[in-house]
Amino acid sequence: MPGHILVLTIPAQGHMRPALAVTEELVRRGHRVSFLTPESFEPAVKATGATAIRYESLLTEALGPGQYKTLTSDLLAWSAVLFLQESTQLVALAQELFAGDLPDLVLYDMIVAPTGRALEQLWDRPAVQSTPSMASNANYSQVRAVQLRSGVPDEHPAVVELLSRAEKFAADLGINASPGYLVDWGADKSVVYAPREFQPFGETFGDETTFVGPCLSPEYTAQTWQAPGDGLPLVIISMGTLYNHQPDFFPLCVRAFEGQPWHAVITVGNGLDPDSLGPLPPNVEVLRWIPQLAAVREADVFVTAAGLGSLMESLYAGTPPVLVPQVPETRVLSDRAVELGLGTLLNAADITEETLLSAVRRTAADEGLRERVRHMAGVLERAGGAARAAEALEARLP
């Protein structure tokens, strides 16, 4: 029987894209979906057939293209406080909007986990976490892994402030939830946009966690891209949308491949003016955007900042990645990929023209790595994607 599902996420491509694909599948199955969205993503939400409800997100500016210019552990620690403020706003807004029309289920992004966990109690409705990262349980905590990688101690002022605010959040709403549970990415019920085979301690997760792999809309997977016709091996280089303000890295990429027997396509998004990198050698292109999955399918190697979405697209396409993580979370993901023999890791702080070119060459020539990536492509194909995620949500409907 069709249900009414509320979707809550954040204005970042890597979090929005899978949620939109799942939403489109839910609408196709006859469910009514209400989707809270900032103005910038409103057209994409409407295209799924969901009801787009516009609101002013506190994260729009913070997560805008090119905003992550100088990343420090302090900035990352305090961002968690901002995420909790967003959750506080979303709970109040949802209670106001749906007072007379309670959804049957809430699908909430891990970044606004306190919202989903609060509404689950306040409305006595099931809530499922949308997880564009690693899953967490008693055996593995992604939040803890990221905190350890970032070097932020438990006594950091931002951590103390976060837990204090989380305690007040629960008290003000009258819900039964510890501060640690509210702000952790571990969830009672979740869909995870990676396969179980990629998850640390994957065998310890039960039916509460559904590993569905990348969730890609039919329109996105059907996109095409014309590869250069010069016969050279192709490398695609992209730092995504959050980490593309790279005034040193992108010129380094141009220099690395100038005169080399490679064709390099570099995407800079809104982080840099493509013209600022010219004049370019004939075997190097610099563009703002390309249809990423379609282009990566044509590539021999994909150089990526290793957000889960881009990493999974690389593996889904069967194209081995060179991983250049920019933040602790993507470093954790990159470490896991390397542990499984699915990519080559470069330290962003130490990268040079020589190390970049060498990493791309080694990755392209490593047949064992390529075979493992091809195997994982099959695993991802069988994981089920948006259809399996929709089925998992339907199973939770009252």
Protein backbone atom coordinates (compact mmCIF):
# COMPACT_ATOMS: atom_id res chain seq x y z
CA MET A 1 0.00 0.00 0.00
CA PRO A 2 1.46 3.43 -0.94
CA GLY A 3 2.82 5.49 1.92
CA HIS A 4 3.84 9.06 2.65
CA ILE A 5 7.62 9.39 3.04
CA LEU A 6 9.53 12.45 4.22
CA VAL A 7 13.10 12.91 2.92
CA LEU A 8 15.61 15.08 4.79
CA THR A 9 19.13 15.53 3.47
CA ILE A 10 21.76 18.26 3.08
CA PRO A 11 22.69 20.52 0.13
CA ALA A 12 25.74 18.56 -1.03
CA GLN A 13 25.86 16.59 -4.28
CA GLY A 14 27.29 13.45 -2.71
CA HIS A 15 24.42 13.30 -0.23
CA MET A 16 21.67 14.54 -2.54
CA ARG A 17 22.34 12.33 -5.55
CA PRO A 18 21.57 8.95 -3.93
CA ALA A 19 18.60 10.40 -2.01
CA LEU A 20 17.17 11.75 -5.27
CA ALA A 21 17.59 8.41 -7.02
CA VAL A 22 15.83 6.60 -4.17
CA THR A 23 13.09 9.24 -4.17
CA GLU A 24 12.52 8.79 -7.90
CA GLU A 25 12.16 5.04 -7.40
CA LEU A 26 9.72 5.52 -4.50
CA VAL A 27 7.56 7.85 -6.59
CA ARG A 28 7.64 5.35 -9.46
CA ARG A 29 6.26 2.74 -7.05
CA GLY A 30 3.34 4.99 -6.18
CA HIS A 31 4.47 6.49 -2.88
CA ARG A 32 3.95 10.14 -1.97
CA VAL A 33 7.26 11.76 -1.12
CA SER A 34 7.74 15.12 0.60
CA PHE A 35 11.31 16.37 0.18
CA LEU A 36 12.68 19.36 2.10
CA THR A 37 15.21 21.15 -0.08
CA PRO A 38 17.09 24.43 -0.46
CA GLU A 39 16.29 26.44 -3.59
CA SER A 40 19.42 25.25 -5.45
CA PHE A 41 18.23 21.62 -5.48
CA GLU A 42 14.51 22.34 -5.95
CA PRO A 43 14.48 21.60 -9.72
CA ALA A 44 16.21 18.25 -9.16
CA VAL A 45 13.72 17.29 -6.45
CA LYS A 46 10.74 18.24 -8.63
CA ALA A 47 12.17 16.14 -11.47
CA THR A 48 11.80 13.03 -9.31
CA GLY A 49 8.04 13.60 -8.98
CA ALA A 50 8.31 14.35 -5.26
CA THR A 51 6.76 17.38 -3.59
CA ALA A 52 9.59 19.87 -3.11
CA ILE A 53 9.27 21.95 0.05
CA ARG A 54 11.76 24.79 0.03
CA TYR A 55 13.54 25.90 3.20
CA GLU A 56 16.59 27.99 4.05
CA SER A 57 19.34 25.58 5.01
CA LEU A 58 22.07 26.72 7.39
CA LEU A 59 24.47 24.58 5.33
CA THR A 60 23.93 26.07 1.87
CA GLU A 61 26.82 28.51 2.09
CA ALA A 62 29.11 26.21 4.09
CA LEU A 63 28.71 23.37 1.57
CA GLY A 64 28.63 25.53 -1.56
CA PRO A 65 31.01 24.90 -4.49
CA GLY A 66 34.57 25.83 -3.64
CA GLN A 67 33.80 26.77 -0.02
CA TYR A 68 36.22 24.25 1.50
CA LYS A 69 39.32 26.26 0.73
CA THR A 70 41.44 25.78 3.84
CA LEU A 71 40.54 22.66 5.76
CA THR A 72 41.72 22.38 9.35
CA SER A 73 40.86 19.95 12.12
CA ASP A 74 39.27 22.85 14.03
CA LEU A 75 37.00 23.71 11.09
CA LEU A 76 35.93 20.10 10.72
CA ALA A 77 35.28 19.75 14.46
CA TRP A 78 33.12 22.87 14.62
CA SER A 79 31.21 21.82 11.49
CA ALA A 80 29.55 19.09 13.58
CA VAL A 81 28.07 21.83 15.78
CA LEU A 82 26.67 23.52 12.67
CA PHE A 83 25.16 20.20 11.57
CA LEU A 84 23.38 19.91 14.91
CA GLN A 85 22.02 23.43 14.50
CA GLU A 86 20.63 22.35 11.12
CA SER A 87 18.96 19.36 12.81
CA THR A 88 17.39 21.61 15.42
CA GLN A 89 15.94 23.79 12.68
CA LEU A 90 14.68 20.81 10.69
CA VAL A 91 12.84 19.23 13.63
CA ALA A 92 10.94 22.45 14.32
CA LEU A 93 10.15 22.92 10.64
CA ALA A 94 8.97 19.35 10.15
CA GLN A 95 6.72 19.52 13.21
CA GLU A 96 5.14 22.70 11.84
CA LEU A 97 4.75 21.49 8.26
CA PHE A 98 3.36 18.04 8.97
CA ALA A 99 1.34 18.56 12.14
CA GLY A 100 -1.84 17.51 10.36
CA ASP A 101 -0.29 15.13 7.84
CA LEU A 102 2.28 12.94 9.57
CA PRO A 103 4.52 10.99 7.19
CA ASP A 104 4.50 7.20 7.47
CA LEU A 105 8.32 7.07 7.36
CA VAL A 106 11.27 9.46 7.54
CA LEU A 107 14.41 8.99 5.41
CA TYR A 108 17.09 11.23 6.91
CA ASP A 109 20.70 11.90 5.98
CA MET A 110 23.39 10.84 8.45
CA ILE A 111 24.55 14.47 8.81
CA VAL A 112 21.15 15.41 10.26
CA ALA A 113 20.79 12.18 12.23
CA PRO A 114 19.43 13.99 15.32
CA THR A 115 16.44 15.11 13.23
CA GLY A 116 15.51 11.60 12.16
CA ARG A 117 15.99 10.13 15.61
CA ALA A 118 13.92 12.87 17.23
CA LEU A 119 11.04 12.64 14.74
CA GLU A 120 10.96 8.86 15.10
CA GLN A 121 10.08 9.31 18.78
CA LEU A 122 7.96 12.45 18.48
CA TRP A 123 5.79 11.03 15.69
CA ASP A 124 6.02 7.33 16.59
CA ARG A 125 6.99 6.65 13.00
CA PRO A 126 9.87 4.57 11.61
CA ALA A 127 12.97 6.48 10.53
CA VAL A 128 15.75 5.16 8.28
CA GLN A 129 19.17 6.73 7.85
CA SER A 130 20.46 7.57 4.37
CA THR A 131 24.20 6.82 4.62
CA PRO A 132 26.62 8.04 1.93
CA SER A 133 29.57 6.76 3.97
CA MET A 134 30.51 3.66 5.95
CA ALA A 135 27.91 2.08 8.21
CA SER A 136 28.44 1.91 11.96
CA ASN A 137 27.56 -0.58 14.66
CA ALA A 138 29.00 -1.91 17.93
CA ASN A 139 32.01 -3.28 16.04
CA TYR A 140 32.84 -0.29 13.87
CA SER A 141 32.17 3.45 14.23
CA GLN A 142 32.72 5.65 11.20
CA VAL A 143 32.46 8.80 13.31
CA ARG A 144 35.17 7.46 15.60
CA ALA A 145 37.38 6.44 12.67
CA VAL A 146 37.05 9.94 11.18
CA GLN A 147 37.71 11.61 14.53
CA LEU A 148 40.86 9.55 15.03
CA ARG A 149 42.04 10.33 11.50
CA SER A 150 41.42 14.06 12.04
CA GLY A 151 43.34 14.14 15.32
CA VAL A 152 40.50 15.90 17.15
CA PRO A 153 40.63 14.84 20.84
CA ASP A 154 37.55 14.10 22.91
CA GLU A 155 38.24 17.18 25.03
CA HIS A 156 38.29 19.55 22.01
CA PRO A 157 35.99 22.55 22.71
CA ALA A 158 33.86 21.72 19.68
CA VAL A 159 33.30 18.14 20.86
CA VAL A 160 32.34 19.37 24.34
CA GLU A 161 30.01 21.97 22.83
CA LEU A 162 28.45 19.41 20.49
CA LEU A 163 27.59 16.98 23.26
CA SER A 164 26.28 19.76 25.49
CA ARG A 165 24.00 21.00 22.71
CA ALA A 166 22.87 17.47 21.91
CA GLU A 167 21.88 16.95 25.54
CA LYS A 168 19.85 20.19 25.45
CA PHE A 169 18.32 19.16 22.09
CA ALA A 170 16.96 15.97 23.64
CA ALA A 171 15.79 17.70 26.82
CA ASP A 172 13.98 20.48 24.95
CA LEU A 173 12.10 17.95 22.81
CA GLY A 174 11.45 15.55 25.64
CA ILE A 175 12.95 12.56 23.84
CA ASN A 176 14.89 9.66 25.31
CA ALA A 177 18.27 9.73 23.55
CA SER A 178 21.83 10.11 24.78
CA PRO A 179 23.98 12.88 23.26
CA GLY A 180 26.39 10.29 21.87
CA TYR A 181 23.62 8.38 20.12
CA LEU A 182 22.13 11.54 18.63
CA VAL A 183 25.30 12.70 16.91
CA ASP A 184 26.74 9.30 15.92
CA TRP A 185 26.31 7.93 12.39
CA GLY A 186 25.35 4.51 13.72
CA ALA A 187 21.63 3.95 13.15
CA ASP A 188 18.99 1.50 14.25
CA LYS A 189 17.90 1.24 10.60
CA SER A 190 19.85 2.46 7.58
CA VAL A 191 20.48 2.16 3.87
CA VAL A 192 24.14 2.40 2.92
CA TYR A 193 25.36 3.42 -0.54
CA ALA A 194 28.23 0.94 -0.57
CA PRO A 195 28.25 -2.87 -0.77
CA ARG A 196 28.71 -5.04 2.30
CA GLU A 197 32.01 -6.24 0.78
CA PHE A 198 33.41 -2.70 1.10
CA GLN A 199 32.28 -2.24 4.71
CA PRO A 200 34.75 -2.86 7.58
CA PHE A 201 33.38 -5.70 9.71
CA GLY A 202 30.65 -6.08 7.12
CA GLU A 203 29.77 -9.56 8.31
CA THR A 204 28.70 -8.17 11.70
CA PHE A 205 25.82 -6.10 10.31
CA GLY A 206 22.32 -7.57 10.35
CA ASP A 207 19.01 -6.83 8.69
CA GLU A 208 18.88 -3.39 10.26
CA THR A 209 21.45 -2.25 7.68
CA THR A 210 20.80 -2.58 3.95
CA PHE A 211 23.90 -2.24 1.77
CA VAL A 212 22.59 -1.15 -1.64
CA GLY A 213 25.69 0.18 -3.41
CA PRO A 214 25.56 3.36 -5.51
CA CYS A 215 22.07 4.74 -6.14
CA LEU A 216 22.04 6.30 -9.59
CA SER A 217 19.02 7.55 -11.47
CA PRO A 218 18.20 6.01 -14.88
CA GLU A 219 18.74 9.41 -16.48
CA TYR A 220 22.21 9.72 -14.95
CA THR A 221 23.34 6.22 -15.91
CA ALA A 222 22.06 6.75 -19.46
CA GLN A 223 24.22 9.85 -20.02
CA THR A 224 26.90 9.58 -22.69
CA TRP A 225 30.20 11.33 -23.25
CA GLN A 226 32.43 11.42 -26.28
CA ALA A 227 35.98 10.43 -25.40
CA PRO A 228 38.86 12.19 -27.17
CA GLY A 229 39.71 10.49 -30.43
CA ASP A 230 43.50 10.81 -30.27
CA GLY A 231 44.08 7.17 -29.26
CA LEU A 232 45.90 8.10 -26.05
CA PRO A 233 45.02 6.48 -22.71
CA LEU A 234 42.59 8.72 -20.84
CA VAL A 235 42.76 10.04 -17.29
CA ILE A 236 39.84 11.95 -15.74
CA ILE A 237 40.73 14.27 -12.85
CA SER A 238 38.03 15.69 -10.56
CA MET A 239 37.95 16.94 -7.00
CA GLY A 240 34.14 16.95 -6.91
CA THR A 241 32.06 19.92 -5.76
CA LEU A 242 33.19 20.50 -2.18
CA TYR A 243 36.97 20.38 -2.68
CA ASN A 244 37.46 21.94 -6.10
CA HIS A 245 39.04 25.22 -4.99
CA GLN A 246 42.51 23.94 -5.88
CA PRO A 247 44.60 26.81 -7.33
CA ASP A 248 47.82 24.81 -6.88
CA PHE A 249 46.65 21.27 -7.63
CA PHE A 250 44.98 21.83 -11.00
CA PRO A 251 47.96 23.65 -12.58
CA LEU A 252 50.13 20.83 -11.22
CA CYS A 253 47.94 18.36 -13.11
CA VAL A 254 48.39 20.29 -16.34
CA ARG A 255 52.16 20.28 -15.91
CA ALA A 256 52.21 16.59 -14.98
CA PHE A 257 50.61 15.48 -18.25
CA GLU A 258 52.04 18.07 -20.64
CA GLY A 259 53.90 16.24 -23.40
CA GLN A 260 53.08 12.82 -21.91
CA PRO A 261 51.41 9.98 -23.86
CA TRP A 262 48.15 10.54 -21.98
CA HIS A 263 45.02 12.58 -22.59
CA ALA A 264 43.97 14.36 -19.39
CA VAL A 265 40.49 15.80 -18.84
CA ILE A 266 40.36 18.00 -15.73
CA THR A 267 37.09 19.27 -14.24
CA VAL A 268 37.26 22.30 -11.94
CA GLY A 269 33.58 23.03 -11.25
CA ASN A 270 33.06 26.48 -9.74
CA GLY A 271 36.27 26.32 -7.76
CA LEU A 272 38.46 27.85 -10.46
CA ASP A 273 38.14 29.66 -13.79
CA PRO A 274 39.18 27.15 -16.51
CA ASP A 275 40.72 29.98 -18.54
CA SER A 276 43.15 30.66 -15.69
CA LEU A 277 44.92 27.39 -16.56
CA GLY A 278 45.51 28.20 -20.22
CA PRO A 279 47.10 28.06 -22.70
CA LEU A 280 46.89 24.29 -22.49
CA PRO A 281 48.91 21.58 -24.20
CA PRO A 282 46.96 19.69 -26.89
CA ASN A 283 46.60 16.57 -24.73
CA VAL A 284 45.02 18.38 -21.75
CA GLU A 285 41.45 19.71 -21.44
CA VAL A 286 40.04 21.75 -18.58
CA LEU A 287 36.24 21.91 -18.20
CA ARG A 288 33.86 23.02 -15.49
CA TRP A 289 31.67 19.90 -15.61
CA ILE A 290 31.30 16.63 -17.46
CA PRO A 291 28.80 13.77 -17.02
CA GLN A 292 31.10 12.05 -14.56
CA LEU A 293 29.93 8.44 -14.71
CA ALA A 294 29.79 8.47 -18.50
CA ALA A 295 33.29 9.95 -18.70
CA VAL A 296 34.79 7.64 -16.09
CA ARG A 297 33.45 4.67 -18.05
CA GLU A 298 35.63 5.80 -20.95
CA ALA A 299 38.72 6.45 -18.82
CA ASP A 300 41.71 4.27 -18.03
CA VAL A 301 42.23 5.94 -14.62
CA PHE A 302 40.11 8.27 -12.48
CA VAL A 303 41.87 10.73 -10.13
CA THR A 304 39.34 11.58 -7.43
CA ALA A 305 38.97 13.24 -4.03
CA ALA A 306 37.38 9.93 -2.99
CA GLY A 307 34.00 10.94 -1.66
CA LEU A 308 31.89 7.80 -1.44
CA GLY A 309 29.81 8.78 -4.48
CA SER A 310 32.78 9.30 -6.77
CA LEU A 311 34.64 6.29 -5.40
CA MET A 312 31.64 4.02 -5.97
CA GLU A 313 31.13 5.44 -9.47
CA SER A 314 34.74 4.65 -10.29
CA LEU A 315 34.32 1.06 -9.13
CA TYR A 316 30.86 0.76 -10.75
CA ALA A 317 32.42 1.81 -14.05
CA GLY A 318 35.26 -0.68 -13.61
CA THR A 319 37.83 2.14 -13.78
CA PRO A 320 40.64 2.03 -11.19
CA PRO A 321 40.98 5.18 -9.08
CA VAL A 322 43.92 7.23 -7.88
CA LEU A 323 42.71 8.53 -4.51
CA VAL A 324 43.61 12.06 -3.38
CA PRO A 325 41.49 12.48 -0.21
CA GLN A 326 41.03 16.01 1.12
CA VAL A 327 39.37 15.39 4.51
CA PRO A 328 39.56 12.73 7.23
CA GLU A 329 36.34 10.99 6.14
CA THR A 330 37.54 10.51 2.58
CA ARG A 331 40.91 9.38 3.90
CA VAL A 332 39.13 6.64 5.85
CA LEU A 333 37.29 5.61 2.68
CA SER A 334 40.53 5.70 0.69
CA ASP A 335 42.35 3.59 3.26
CA ARG A 336 39.61 0.98 2.97
CA ALA A 337 39.83 0.99 -0.83
CA VAL A 338 43.61 0.49 -0.66
CA GLU A 339 43.20 -2.25 1.96
CA LEU A 340 40.98 -4.10 -0.52
CA GLY A 341 43.41 -3.50 -3.38
CA LEU A 342 40.99 -1.22 -5.22
CA GLY A 343 43.04 1.93 -5.76
CA THR A 344 46.26 3.89 -5.40
CA LEU A 345 46.56 6.46 -2.59
CA LEU A 346 48.32 9.81 -2.83
CA ASN A 347 48.81 12.26 0.04
CA ALA A 348 47.34 15.58 -1.12
CA ALA A 349 49.87 17.58 0.92
CA ASP A 350 52.88 15.89 -0.71
CA ILE A 351 51.73 15.50 -4.31
CA THR A 352 54.04 16.54 -7.15
CA GLU A 353 53.91 16.29 -10.92
CA GLU A 354 56.15 13.22 -10.73
CA THR A 355 54.18 11.39 -8.02
CA LEU A 356 50.85 12.07 -9.76
CA LEU A 357 52.06 10.86 -13.15
CA SER A 358 53.73 7.83 -11.58
CA ALA A 359 50.57 6.90 -9.66
CA VAL A 360 48.45 7.10 -12.80
CA ARG A 361 50.93 4.99 -14.76
CA ARG A 362 51.19 2.35 -12.02
CA THR A 363 47.44 2.16 -11.62
CA ALA A 364 46.84 1.73 -15.33
CA ALA A 365 49.51 -0.97 -15.60
CA ASP A 366 48.49 -3.00 -12.52
CA GLU A 367 46.43 -5.84 -13.98
CA GLY A 368 45.76 -7.32 -10.54
CA LEU A 369 44.26 -4.04 -9.36
CA ARG A 370 42.21 -3.75 -12.54
CA GLU A 371 40.87 -7.28 -12.09
CA ARG A 372 39.84 -6.55 -8.48
CA VAL A 373 38.07 -3.38 -9.64
CA ARG A 374 36.25 -5.32 -12.36
CA HIS A 375 35.15 -7.85 -9.74
CA MET A 376 33.87 -5.06 -7.48
CA ALA A 377 31.96 -3.59 -10.45
CA GLY A 378 29.99 -6.83 -10.57
CA VAL A 379 29.42 -6.71 -6.81
CA LEU A 380 28.03 -3.19 -7.13
CA GLU A 381 25.79 -4.16 -10.02
CA ARG A 382 24.27 -6.93 -7.87
CA ALA A 383 23.91 -4.74 -4.75
CA GLY A 384 20.58 -3.46 -6.02
CA GLY A 385 20.92 0.32 -5.95
CA ALA A 386 17.84 2.52 -5.68
CA ALA A 387 15.40 -0.36 -6.27
CA ARG A 388 16.75 -2.32 -3.31
CA ALA A 389 16.82 0.82 -1.16
CA ALA A 390 13.14 1.44 -1.99
CA GLU A 391 12.29 -2.15 -1.09
CA ALA A 392 14.05 -1.74 2.27
CA LEU A 393 12.04 1.40 2.99
CA GLU A 394 8.78 -0.25 1.94
CA ALA A 395 9.50 -3.07 4.39
CA ARG A 396 9.65 -0.49 7.19
CA LEU A 397 6.35 1.19 6.38
CA PRO A 398 3.64 0.65 9.01
